[in-house]
């Protein structure tokens, strides 16, 4: 009898010893994530969706890549680059996992225009429903303005942290990029 009680107490104690650091690490990441909420929103809706993407529910591998690229200078941002440079690699991973686990924010339904003719080429990486997946981000539901700005930045080779996107965006006329952005924003 004493052996079972001792084993149960020992097991519970070991469980606490293992769980406490994990809980502390999660609390620490949640505290760091609060800084992100200033721009990306505390409920997943960015304060300025025209210039700031939704990161809640975004693909974890994509988030990790972007954080790493901001940190090492492969992607530049006056706000994100200094923030990412101040974070250790482990925090980048934990933040990417934290935001990927959040639900994509709900929004009011809108009329979806007809899909542009070249949208099928985007599905190879961004998935048939544009919900994203390794390694491509979710595009469905991002703001029209953010999408157009990202596509223009790739076309002008101002954003180069993806080897395929600049060439692909340069092949599309601006009117087609505009139609793709309107379609994706409405999804």
N, C-alpha and C. Protein backbone atom coordinates (compact mmCIF):
# COMPACT_ATOMS: atom_id res chain seq x y z
N UNK A 1 0.82 -1.19 0.00
CA UNK A 1 0.00 0.00 0.00
C UNK A 1 0.86 1.26 0.00
N UNK A 2 1.85 1.29 0.90
CA UNK A 2 2.74 2.46 0.96
C UNK A 2 3.50 2.63 -0.34
N UNK A 3 3.84 1.52 -0.96
CA UNK A 3 4.59 1.59 -2.22
C UNK A 3 3.76 2.26 -3.30
N UNK A 4 2.46 1.94 -3.36
CA UNK A 4 1.58 2.55 -4.37
C UNK A 4 1.40 4.04 -4.10
N UNK A 5 1.21 4.40 -2.85
CA UNK A 5 1.04 5.81 -2.50
C UNK A 5 2.32 6.57 -2.82
N UNK A 6 3.45 5.98 -2.42
CA UNK A 6 4.73 6.63 -2.70
C UNK A 6 4.92 6.80 -4.21
N UNK A 7 4.59 5.78 -4.98
CA UNK A 7 4.72 5.84 -6.43
C UNK A 7 3.81 6.92 -7.02
N UNK A 8 2.59 7.01 -6.51
CA UNK A 8 1.64 8.01 -6.99
C UNK A 8 2.14 9.42 -6.68
N UNK A 9 2.62 9.63 -5.47
CA UNK A 9 3.14 10.94 -5.07
C UNK A 9 4.38 11.29 -5.88
N UNK A 10 5.27 10.33 -6.03
CA UNK A 10 6.48 10.55 -6.82
C UNK A 10 6.13 10.88 -8.26
N UNK A 11 5.19 10.16 -8.84
CA UNK A 11 4.76 10.41 -10.22
C UNK A 11 4.13 11.79 -10.36
N UNK A 12 3.29 12.18 -9.40
CA UNK A 12 2.67 13.50 -9.45
C UNK A 12 3.72 14.59 -9.31
N UNK A 13 4.67 14.39 -8.41
CA UNK A 13 5.74 15.36 -8.23
C UNK A 13 6.59 15.50 -9.48
N UNK A 14 6.92 14.39 -10.11
CA UNK A 14 7.70 14.43 -11.35
C UNK A 14 6.92 15.16 -12.43
N UNK A 15 5.61 14.91 -12.49
CA UNK A 15 4.76 15.58 -13.48
C UNK A 15 4.78 17.09 -13.28
N UNK A 16 4.73 17.53 -12.03
CA UNK A 16 4.80 18.97 -11.75
C UNK A 16 6.15 19.56 -12.14
N UNK A 17 7.21 18.84 -11.83
CA UNK A 17 8.55 19.32 -12.16
C UNK A 17 8.69 19.50 -13.67
N UNK A 18 8.11 18.61 -14.44
CA UNK A 18 8.17 18.70 -15.90
C UNK A 18 7.22 19.78 -16.41
N UNK A 19 6.04 19.89 -15.82
CA UNK A 19 5.01 20.82 -16.31
C UNK A 19 5.32 22.27 -15.98
N UNK A 20 5.92 22.55 -14.84
CA UNK A 20 6.16 23.93 -14.44
C UNK A 20 7.04 24.70 -15.43
N UNK A 21 8.18 24.16 -15.85
CA UNK A 21 8.96 24.92 -16.84
C UNK A 21 8.21 25.12 -18.15
N UNK A 22 7.42 24.13 -18.56
CA UNK A 22 6.65 24.28 -19.79
C UNK A 22 5.60 25.37 -19.64
N UNK A 23 4.93 25.41 -18.50
CA UNK A 23 3.93 26.44 -18.25
C UNK A 23 4.60 27.81 -18.20
N UNK A 24 5.76 27.90 -17.56
CA UNK A 24 6.49 29.16 -17.49
C UNK A 24 6.90 29.62 -18.90
N UNK A 25 7.39 28.71 -19.71
CA UNK A 25 7.80 29.05 -21.08
C UNK A 25 6.60 29.55 -21.87
N UNK A 26 5.43 28.92 -21.69
CA UNK A 26 4.22 29.35 -22.40
C UNK A 26 3.81 30.74 -21.93
N UNK A 27 3.87 30.99 -20.61
CA UNK A 27 3.55 32.32 -20.09
C UNK A 27 4.50 33.37 -20.66
N UNK A 28 5.77 33.02 -20.76
CA UNK A 28 6.78 33.93 -21.29
C UNK A 28 6.49 34.26 -22.75
N UNK A 29 6.13 33.26 -23.55
CA UNK A 29 5.81 33.50 -24.97
C UNK A 29 4.54 34.33 -25.09
N UNK A 30 3.54 34.05 -24.26
CA UNK A 30 2.31 34.85 -24.31
C UNK A 30 2.62 36.31 -23.99
N UNK A 31 3.52 36.54 -23.04
CA UNK A 31 3.91 37.92 -22.72
C UNK A 31 4.61 38.56 -23.91
N UNK A 32 5.49 37.83 -24.56
CA UNK A 32 6.19 38.37 -25.73
C UNK A 32 5.21 38.59 -26.89
N UNK A 33 4.22 37.73 -27.00
CA UNK A 33 3.24 37.86 -28.07
C UNK A 33 2.37 39.11 -27.90
N UNK A 34 2.27 39.61 -26.67
CA UNK A 34 1.49 40.83 -26.44
C UNK A 34 2.08 42.02 -27.19
N UNK A 35 3.39 42.03 -27.36
CA UNK A 35 4.03 43.08 -28.14
C UNK A 35 3.54 43.03 -29.59
N UNK A 36 3.35 41.83 -30.10
CA UNK A 36 2.88 41.65 -31.48
C UNK A 36 1.46 42.19 -31.66
N UNK A 37 0.67 42.12 -30.58
CA UNK A 37 -0.73 42.54 -30.64
C UNK A 37 -0.89 44.02 -30.96
N UNK A 38 0.13 44.82 -30.68
CA UNK A 38 0.03 46.25 -30.97
C UNK A 38 -0.27 46.50 -32.44
N UNK A 39 0.30 45.70 -33.32
CA UNK A 39 0.05 45.86 -34.77
C UNK A 39 -0.84 44.75 -35.33
N UNK A 40 -0.58 43.51 -34.90
CA UNK A 40 -1.29 42.36 -35.48
C UNK A 40 -2.62 42.08 -34.79
N UNK A 41 -2.94 42.80 -33.72
CA UNK A 41 -4.23 42.69 -33.04
C UNK A 41 -4.25 41.64 -31.96
N UNK A 42 -4.96 41.94 -30.88
CA UNK A 42 -5.04 40.99 -29.77
C UNK A 42 -6.11 39.94 -29.99
N UNK A 43 -6.92 40.08 -31.01
CA UNK A 43 -7.92 39.07 -31.37
C UNK A 43 -7.67 38.56 -32.79
N UNK A 44 -6.48 38.85 -33.31
CA UNK A 44 -6.12 38.36 -34.64
C UNK A 44 -6.40 39.31 -35.78
N UNK A 45 -7.08 40.41 -35.49
CA UNK A 45 -7.40 41.39 -36.52
C UNK A 45 -6.40 42.54 -36.39
N UNK A 46 -5.56 42.75 -37.41
CA UNK A 46 -4.54 43.80 -37.32
C UNK A 46 -5.14 45.18 -37.12
N UNK A 47 -4.39 46.04 -36.44
CA UNK A 47 -4.84 47.41 -36.22
C UNK A 47 -4.94 48.16 -37.55
N UNK A 48 -4.10 47.81 -38.52
CA UNK A 48 -4.15 48.38 -39.86
C UNK A 48 -4.04 47.25 -40.87
N UNK A 49 -5.16 46.59 -41.19
CA UNK A 49 -5.10 45.44 -42.09
C UNK A 49 -4.60 45.77 -43.49
N UNK A 50 -4.60 47.05 -43.85
CA UNK A 50 -4.10 47.44 -45.17
C UNK A 50 -2.58 47.28 -45.25
N UNK A 51 -1.91 47.40 -44.11
CA UNK A 51 -0.45 47.34 -44.11
C UNK A 51 0.12 46.17 -43.31
N UNK A 52 -0.72 45.55 -42.50
CA UNK A 52 -0.26 44.51 -41.58
C UNK A 52 -1.04 43.22 -41.83
N UNK A 53 -0.35 42.11 -41.98
CA UNK A 53 -1.07 40.85 -42.26
C UNK A 53 -1.65 40.21 -40.99
N UNK A 54 -2.63 39.37 -41.21
CA UNK A 54 -3.15 38.50 -40.15
C UNK A 54 -2.09 37.43 -39.91
N UNK A 55 -1.73 37.21 -38.65
CA UNK A 55 -0.79 36.13 -38.34
C UNK A 55 -1.46 35.03 -37.53
N UNK A 56 -2.61 35.31 -36.94
CA UNK A 56 -3.33 34.27 -36.21
C UNK A 56 -3.77 33.19 -37.20
N UNK A 57 -3.44 31.95 -36.92
CA UNK A 57 -3.86 30.84 -37.76
C UNK A 57 -3.05 30.70 -39.04
N UNK A 58 -2.01 31.50 -39.21
CA UNK A 58 -1.16 31.40 -40.39
C UNK A 58 -0.29 30.15 -40.26
N UNK A 59 0.21 29.64 -41.35
CA UNK A 59 1.04 28.43 -41.35
C UNK A 59 2.30 28.65 -40.50
N UNK A 60 2.58 27.71 -39.60
CA UNK A 60 3.71 27.83 -38.68
C UNK A 60 5.05 27.92 -39.39
N UNK A 61 5.26 27.11 -40.41
CA UNK A 61 6.55 27.15 -41.11
C UNK A 61 6.73 28.48 -41.82
N UNK A 62 5.66 29.03 -42.34
CA UNK A 62 5.74 30.34 -42.99
C UNK A 62 6.07 31.43 -41.96
N UNK A 63 5.37 31.41 -40.82
CA UNK A 63 5.65 32.40 -39.78
C UNK A 63 7.11 32.32 -39.33
N UNK A 64 7.59 31.10 -39.13
CA UNK A 64 8.97 30.91 -38.70
C UNK A 64 9.95 31.48 -39.73
N UNK A 65 9.69 31.19 -40.99
CA UNK A 65 10.57 31.70 -42.06
C UNK A 65 10.58 33.23 -42.07
N UNK A 66 9.41 33.83 -41.96
CA UNK A 66 9.36 35.29 -42.00
C UNK A 66 10.09 35.90 -40.80
N UNK A 67 9.88 35.35 -39.61
CA UNK A 67 10.59 35.86 -38.43
C UNK A 67 12.10 35.72 -38.60
N UNK A 68 12.52 34.57 -39.09
CA UNK A 68 13.96 34.33 -39.30
C UNK A 68 14.50 35.28 -40.37
N UNK A 69 13.72 35.50 -41.45
CA UNK A 69 14.15 36.40 -42.51
C UNK A 69 14.22 37.85 -42.03
N UNK A 70 13.27 38.27 -41.19
CA UNK A 70 13.34 39.61 -40.62
C UNK A 70 14.59 39.73 -39.75
N UNK A 71 14.87 38.67 -38.98
CA UNK A 71 16.02 38.71 -38.07
C UNK A 71 17.35 38.75 -38.82
N UNK A 72 17.47 37.98 -39.91
CA UNK A 72 18.77 37.92 -40.59
C UNK A 72 18.89 38.90 -41.76
N UNK A 73 17.88 39.72 -41.99
CA UNK A 73 17.96 40.76 -43.02
C UNK A 73 17.52 40.34 -44.41
N UNK A 74 17.04 39.11 -44.58
CA UNK A 74 16.55 38.70 -45.90
C UNK A 74 15.21 39.35 -46.24
N UNK A 75 14.50 39.80 -45.23
CA UNK A 75 13.28 40.57 -45.41
C UNK A 75 13.40 41.78 -44.49
N UNK A 76 13.14 42.95 -45.04
CA UNK A 76 13.33 44.17 -44.26
C UNK A 76 12.02 44.83 -43.90
N UNK A 77 11.98 45.32 -42.67
CA UNK A 77 10.85 46.08 -42.18
C UNK A 77 11.37 46.97 -41.05
N UNK A 78 10.99 48.23 -41.09
CA UNK A 78 11.44 49.16 -40.05
C UNK A 78 10.96 48.71 -38.67
N UNK A 79 9.85 48.02 -38.61
CA UNK A 79 9.30 47.57 -37.32
C UNK A 79 9.73 46.14 -37.01
N UNK A 80 9.51 45.22 -37.94
CA UNK A 80 9.73 43.80 -37.66
C UNK A 80 11.21 43.42 -37.56
N UNK A 81 12.05 44.00 -38.38
CA UNK A 81 13.47 43.61 -38.36
C UNK A 81 14.12 43.83 -37.00
N UNK A 82 13.99 45.02 -36.39
CA UNK A 82 14.60 45.19 -35.07
C UNK A 82 13.97 44.29 -34.00
N UNK A 83 12.66 44.08 -34.07
CA UNK A 83 12.01 43.20 -33.09
C UNK A 83 12.53 41.78 -33.20
N UNK A 84 12.60 41.27 -34.42
CA UNK A 84 13.05 39.88 -34.63
C UNK A 84 14.52 39.71 -34.27
N UNK A 85 15.33 40.73 -34.52
CA UNK A 85 16.75 40.64 -34.19
C UNK A 85 16.97 40.49 -32.69
N UNK A 86 16.04 40.98 -31.89
CA UNK A 86 16.16 40.90 -30.45
C UNK A 86 15.66 39.60 -29.84
N UNK A 87 15.19 38.68 -30.68
CA UNK A 87 14.63 37.42 -30.16
C UNK A 87 15.56 36.24 -30.43
N UNK A 88 15.75 35.38 -29.43
CA UNK A 88 16.54 34.16 -29.68
C UNK A 88 15.78 33.21 -30.61
N UNK A 89 16.52 32.33 -31.26
CA UNK A 89 15.94 31.37 -32.21
C UNK A 89 14.78 30.59 -31.59
N UNK A 90 14.95 30.14 -30.36
CA UNK A 90 13.90 29.37 -29.70
C UNK A 90 12.61 30.15 -29.55
N UNK A 91 12.72 31.46 -29.29
CA UNK A 91 11.52 32.28 -29.18
C UNK A 91 10.85 32.45 -30.53
N UNK A 92 11.64 32.53 -31.59
CA UNK A 92 11.04 32.62 -32.92
C UNK A 92 10.17 31.39 -33.17
N UNK A 93 10.68 30.23 -32.82
CA UNK A 93 9.92 28.98 -33.01
C UNK A 93 8.66 28.97 -32.14
N UNK A 94 8.81 29.37 -30.89
CA UNK A 94 7.65 29.35 -29.99
C UNK A 94 6.60 30.37 -30.41
N UNK A 95 7.04 31.54 -30.87
CA UNK A 95 6.07 32.54 -31.34
C UNK A 95 5.35 32.07 -32.60
N UNK A 96 6.09 31.46 -33.52
CA UNK A 96 5.45 30.93 -34.74
C UNK A 96 4.42 29.87 -34.37
N UNK A 97 4.75 28.99 -33.45
CA UNK A 97 3.80 27.95 -33.02
C UNK A 97 2.61 28.57 -32.30
N UNK A 98 2.86 29.57 -31.48
CA UNK A 98 1.80 30.24 -30.72
C UNK A 98 0.77 30.84 -31.67
N UNK A 99 1.23 31.61 -32.65
CA UNK A 99 0.29 32.26 -33.56
C UNK A 99 -0.35 31.27 -34.53
N UNK A 100 0.37 30.26 -34.94
CA UNK A 100 -0.21 29.25 -35.84
C UNK A 100 -1.35 28.50 -35.15
N UNK A 101 -1.27 28.35 -33.84
CA UNK A 101 -2.30 27.61 -33.10
C UNK A 101 -3.56 28.44 -32.86
N UNK A 102 -3.49 29.72 -33.08
CA UNK A 102 -4.66 30.59 -32.88
C UNK A 102 -5.63 30.44 -34.05
N UNK A 103 -6.91 30.68 -33.83
CA UNK A 103 -7.87 30.59 -34.95
C UNK A 103 -7.78 31.79 -35.87
N UNK A 104 -7.95 31.54 -37.17
CA UNK A 104 -8.00 32.63 -38.13
C UNK A 104 -9.21 33.48 -37.76
N UNK A 105 -9.09 34.80 -37.72
CA UNK A 105 -10.22 35.64 -37.29
C UNK A 105 -11.41 35.54 -38.25
N UNK A 106 -12.58 35.48 -37.66
CA UNK A 106 -13.82 35.45 -38.43
C UNK A 106 -14.13 36.87 -38.90
N UNK A 107 -14.73 36.95 -40.05
CA UNK A 107 -15.15 38.26 -40.56
C UNK A 107 -16.45 38.09 -41.33
N UNK A 108 -17.07 39.21 -41.62
CA UNK A 108 -18.33 39.18 -42.35
C UNK A 108 -18.11 38.63 -43.75
N UNK A 109 -19.08 37.87 -44.21
CA UNK A 109 -19.01 37.32 -45.57
C UNK A 109 -19.12 38.46 -46.58
N UNK A 110 -18.43 38.28 -47.69
CA UNK A 110 -18.49 39.28 -48.76
C UNK A 110 -18.72 38.57 -50.08
N UNK A 111 -19.11 39.36 -51.06
CA UNK A 111 -19.31 38.80 -52.40
C UNK A 111 -17.94 38.45 -52.98
N UNK A 112 -17.82 37.23 -53.45
CA UNK A 112 -16.56 36.77 -54.03
C UNK A 112 -16.65 36.94 -55.54
N UNK A 113 -15.73 37.71 -56.11
CA UNK A 113 -15.74 37.88 -57.56
C UNK A 113 -15.34 36.57 -58.26
N UNK A 114 -15.52 36.54 -59.54
CA UNK A 114 -15.09 35.37 -60.31
C UNK A 114 -13.57 35.23 -60.19
N UNK A 115 -13.09 33.99 -60.13
CA UNK A 115 -11.64 33.82 -60.01
C UNK A 115 -10.92 34.30 -61.27
N UNK A 116 -9.84 35.03 -61.10
CA UNK A 116 -9.06 35.47 -62.26
C UNK A 116 -8.45 34.28 -62.98
N UNK A 117 -8.14 34.44 -64.25
CA UNK A 117 -7.66 33.31 -65.05
C UNK A 117 -6.34 32.74 -64.54
N UNK A 118 -5.47 33.55 -63.99
CA UNK A 118 -4.16 33.05 -63.57
C UNK A 118 -4.11 32.56 -62.12
N UNK A 119 -5.23 32.57 -61.43
CA UNK A 119 -5.25 32.18 -60.02
C UNK A 119 -4.86 30.72 -59.82
N UNK A 120 -5.11 29.89 -60.80
CA UNK A 120 -4.80 28.46 -60.67
C UNK A 120 -3.31 28.22 -60.43
N UNK A 121 -2.47 29.08 -60.97
CA UNK A 121 -1.02 28.94 -60.76
C UNK A 121 -0.64 29.15 -59.29
N UNK A 122 -1.43 29.94 -58.58
CA UNK A 122 -1.15 30.22 -57.16
C UNK A 122 -1.48 29.02 -56.28
N UNK A 123 -2.40 28.18 -56.75
CA UNK A 123 -2.86 27.05 -55.93
C UNK A 123 -1.80 25.99 -55.70
N UNK A 124 -0.84 25.90 -56.56
CA UNK A 124 0.20 24.87 -56.39
C UNK A 124 0.89 25.01 -55.03
N UNK A 125 1.14 26.22 -54.61
CA UNK A 125 1.81 26.43 -53.32
C UNK A 125 0.84 26.82 -52.21
N UNK A 126 -0.12 27.66 -52.54
CA UNK A 126 -1.01 28.21 -51.51
C UNK A 126 -2.24 27.34 -51.25
N UNK A 127 -2.31 26.17 -51.89
CA UNK A 127 -3.36 25.19 -51.72
C UNK A 127 -4.63 25.60 -52.49
N UNK A 128 -5.45 24.62 -52.86
CA UNK A 128 -6.63 24.91 -53.68
C UNK A 128 -7.58 25.95 -53.08
N UNK A 129 -7.70 26.00 -51.76
CA UNK A 129 -8.62 26.96 -51.14
C UNK A 129 -7.89 28.20 -50.62
N UNK A 130 -6.61 28.32 -50.91
CA UNK A 130 -5.75 29.45 -50.52
C UNK A 130 -5.65 29.60 -49.01
N UNK A 131 -5.81 28.48 -48.29
CA UNK A 131 -5.67 28.46 -46.84
C UNK A 131 -4.20 28.29 -46.43
N UNK A 132 -3.32 28.11 -47.39
CA UNK A 132 -1.89 27.97 -47.12
C UNK A 132 -1.53 26.59 -46.64
N UNK A 133 -0.27 26.38 -46.50
CA UNK A 133 0.30 25.12 -46.05
C UNK A 133 1.78 25.16 -46.34
N UNK A 134 2.51 24.29 -45.71
CA UNK A 134 3.96 24.34 -45.82
C UNK A 134 4.40 24.36 -47.27
N UNK A 135 5.17 25.32 -47.69
CA UNK A 135 5.74 26.45 -46.96
C UNK A 135 5.03 27.76 -47.25
N UNK A 136 3.90 27.74 -47.90
CA UNK A 136 3.25 28.97 -48.37
C UNK A 136 2.21 29.47 -47.38
N UNK A 137 2.05 30.79 -47.30
CA UNK A 137 1.09 31.35 -46.35
C UNK A 137 -0.35 31.26 -46.85
N UNK A 138 -1.24 31.41 -45.91
CA UNK A 138 -2.65 31.58 -46.24
C UNK A 138 -2.80 32.95 -46.88
N UNK A 139 -3.53 33.00 -47.98
CA UNK A 139 -3.82 34.26 -48.65
C UNK A 139 -5.29 34.63 -48.53
N UNK A 140 -6.16 33.63 -48.40
CA UNK A 140 -7.60 33.86 -48.32
C UNK A 140 -7.91 34.72 -47.11
N UNK A 141 -8.55 35.86 -47.36
CA UNK A 141 -8.98 36.71 -46.27
C UNK A 141 -8.01 37.80 -45.86
N UNK A 142 -6.80 37.82 -46.43
CA UNK A 142 -5.91 38.96 -46.17
C UNK A 142 -6.49 40.17 -46.89
N UNK A 143 -6.15 41.37 -46.45
CA UNK A 143 -6.74 42.56 -47.07
C UNK A 143 -6.24 42.74 -48.50
N UNK A 144 -7.09 43.31 -49.31
CA UNK A 144 -6.75 43.62 -50.69
C UNK A 144 -5.48 44.47 -50.74
N UNK A 145 -5.42 45.49 -49.90
CA UNK A 145 -4.29 46.42 -49.92
C UNK A 145 -2.98 45.71 -49.56
N UNK A 146 -3.04 44.85 -48.55
CA UNK A 146 -1.83 44.13 -48.16
C UNK A 146 -1.36 43.20 -49.28
N UNK A 147 -2.32 42.49 -49.88
CA UNK A 147 -1.98 41.56 -50.96
C UNK A 147 -1.38 42.29 -52.16
N UNK A 148 -1.99 43.40 -52.58
CA UNK A 148 -1.47 44.16 -53.71
C UNK A 148 -0.07 44.68 -53.40
N UNK A 149 0.13 45.19 -52.19
CA UNK A 149 1.45 45.72 -51.82
C UNK A 149 2.50 44.61 -51.83
N UNK A 150 2.15 43.43 -51.33
CA UNK A 150 3.10 42.31 -51.33
C UNK A 150 3.44 41.88 -52.75
N UNK A 151 2.42 41.80 -53.61
CA UNK A 151 2.67 41.39 -55.00
C UNK A 151 3.52 42.43 -55.74
N UNK A 152 3.25 43.70 -55.50
CA UNK A 152 4.06 44.76 -56.12
C UNK A 152 5.51 44.69 -55.63
N UNK A 153 5.68 44.46 -54.33
CA UNK A 153 7.03 44.38 -53.77
C UNK A 153 7.81 43.21 -54.38
N UNK A 154 7.14 42.08 -54.58
CA UNK A 154 7.80 40.96 -55.25
C UNK A 154 8.12 41.30 -56.70
N UNK A 155 7.16 41.90 -57.41
CA UNK A 155 7.36 42.24 -58.83
C UNK A 155 8.51 43.23 -59.01
N UNK A 156 8.65 44.16 -58.08
CA UNK A 156 9.70 45.17 -58.17
C UNK A 156 11.02 44.68 -57.56
N UNK A 157 11.02 43.44 -57.09
CA UNK A 157 12.18 42.83 -56.43
C UNK A 157 12.62 43.62 -55.20
N UNK A 158 11.65 44.25 -54.55
CA UNK A 158 11.90 44.90 -53.26
C UNK A 158 11.80 43.87 -52.14
N UNK A 159 11.01 42.86 -52.38
CA UNK A 159 10.89 41.75 -51.47
C UNK A 159 11.43 40.52 -52.19
N UNK A 160 12.48 39.95 -51.66
CA UNK A 160 13.17 38.88 -52.37
C UNK A 160 13.40 37.64 -51.50
N UNK A 161 12.66 37.50 -50.41
CA UNK A 161 12.92 36.35 -49.54
C UNK A 161 12.16 35.10 -49.99
N UNK A 162 11.77 35.07 -51.25
CA UNK A 162 11.19 33.90 -51.88
C UNK A 162 11.71 33.90 -53.32
N UNK A 163 12.35 32.82 -53.72
CA UNK A 163 12.99 32.80 -55.04
C UNK A 163 12.01 32.78 -56.21
N UNK A 164 10.82 32.22 -56.01
CA UNK A 164 9.86 32.08 -57.11
C UNK A 164 8.95 33.29 -57.29
N UNK A 165 8.58 33.92 -56.21
CA UNK A 165 7.57 34.97 -56.29
C UNK A 165 7.96 36.18 -57.16
N UNK A 166 9.18 36.71 -57.09
CA UNK A 166 9.48 37.85 -57.97
C UNK A 166 9.26 37.53 -59.45
N UNK A 167 9.75 36.40 -59.89
CA UNK A 167 9.59 36.03 -61.31
C UNK A 167 8.11 35.85 -61.67
N UNK A 168 7.39 35.18 -60.81
CA UNK A 168 5.97 34.93 -61.07
C UNK A 168 5.19 36.25 -61.11
N UNK A 169 5.45 37.14 -60.16
CA UNK A 169 4.73 38.42 -60.14
C UNK A 169 5.12 39.31 -61.30
N UNK A 170 6.36 39.23 -61.76
CA UNK A 170 6.78 40.03 -62.91
C UNK A 170 6.09 39.57 -64.19
N UNK A 171 5.72 38.29 -64.26
CA UNK A 171 5.04 37.77 -65.46
C UNK A 171 3.58 38.23 -65.54
N UNK A 172 3.01 38.62 -64.41
CA UNK A 172 1.60 39.03 -64.39
C UNK A 172 1.46 40.53 -64.60
N UNK A 173 0.58 40.95 -65.48
CA UNK A 173 0.32 42.38 -65.60
C UNK A 173 -0.31 42.91 -64.31
N UNK A 174 -0.15 44.19 -64.06
CA UNK A 174 -0.67 44.79 -62.83
C UNK A 174 -2.17 44.55 -62.69
N UNK A 175 -2.92 44.62 -63.77
CA UNK A 175 -4.37 44.41 -63.70
C UNK A 175 -4.69 42.99 -63.23
N UNK A 176 -3.89 42.02 -63.63
CA UNK A 176 -4.12 40.63 -63.20
C UNK A 176 -3.77 40.47 -61.72
N UNK A 177 -2.68 41.10 -61.27
CA UNK A 177 -2.33 41.06 -59.85
C UNK A 177 -3.45 41.69 -59.03
N UNK A 178 -4.01 42.78 -59.52
CA UNK A 178 -5.11 43.46 -58.85
C UNK A 178 -6.32 42.53 -58.73
N UNK A 179 -6.65 41.84 -59.81
CA UNK A 179 -7.80 40.92 -59.81
C UNK A 179 -7.56 39.76 -58.83
N UNK A 180 -6.35 39.26 -58.79
CA UNK A 180 -6.02 38.17 -57.86
C UNK A 180 -6.18 38.66 -56.42
N UNK A 181 -5.68 39.86 -56.13
CA UNK A 181 -5.79 40.40 -54.77
C UNK A 181 -7.25 40.60 -54.37
N UNK A 182 -8.06 41.11 -55.28
CA UNK A 182 -9.50 41.31 -54.96
C UNK A 182 -10.19 39.96 -54.68
N UNK A 183 -9.86 38.98 -55.49
CA UNK A 183 -10.44 37.66 -55.31
C UNK A 183 -10.03 37.04 -53.97
N UNK A 184 -8.74 37.05 -53.67
CA UNK A 184 -8.25 36.44 -52.44
C UNK A 184 -8.76 37.15 -51.20
N UNK A 185 -8.85 38.48 -51.26
CA UNK A 185 -9.34 39.25 -50.11
C UNK A 185 -10.79 38.93 -49.80
N UNK A 186 -11.56 38.58 -50.81
CA UNK A 186 -12.99 38.30 -50.62
C UNK A 186 -13.26 36.89 -50.09
N UNK A 187 -12.27 36.00 -50.16
CA UNK A 187 -12.48 34.62 -49.71
C UNK A 187 -12.64 34.52 -48.21
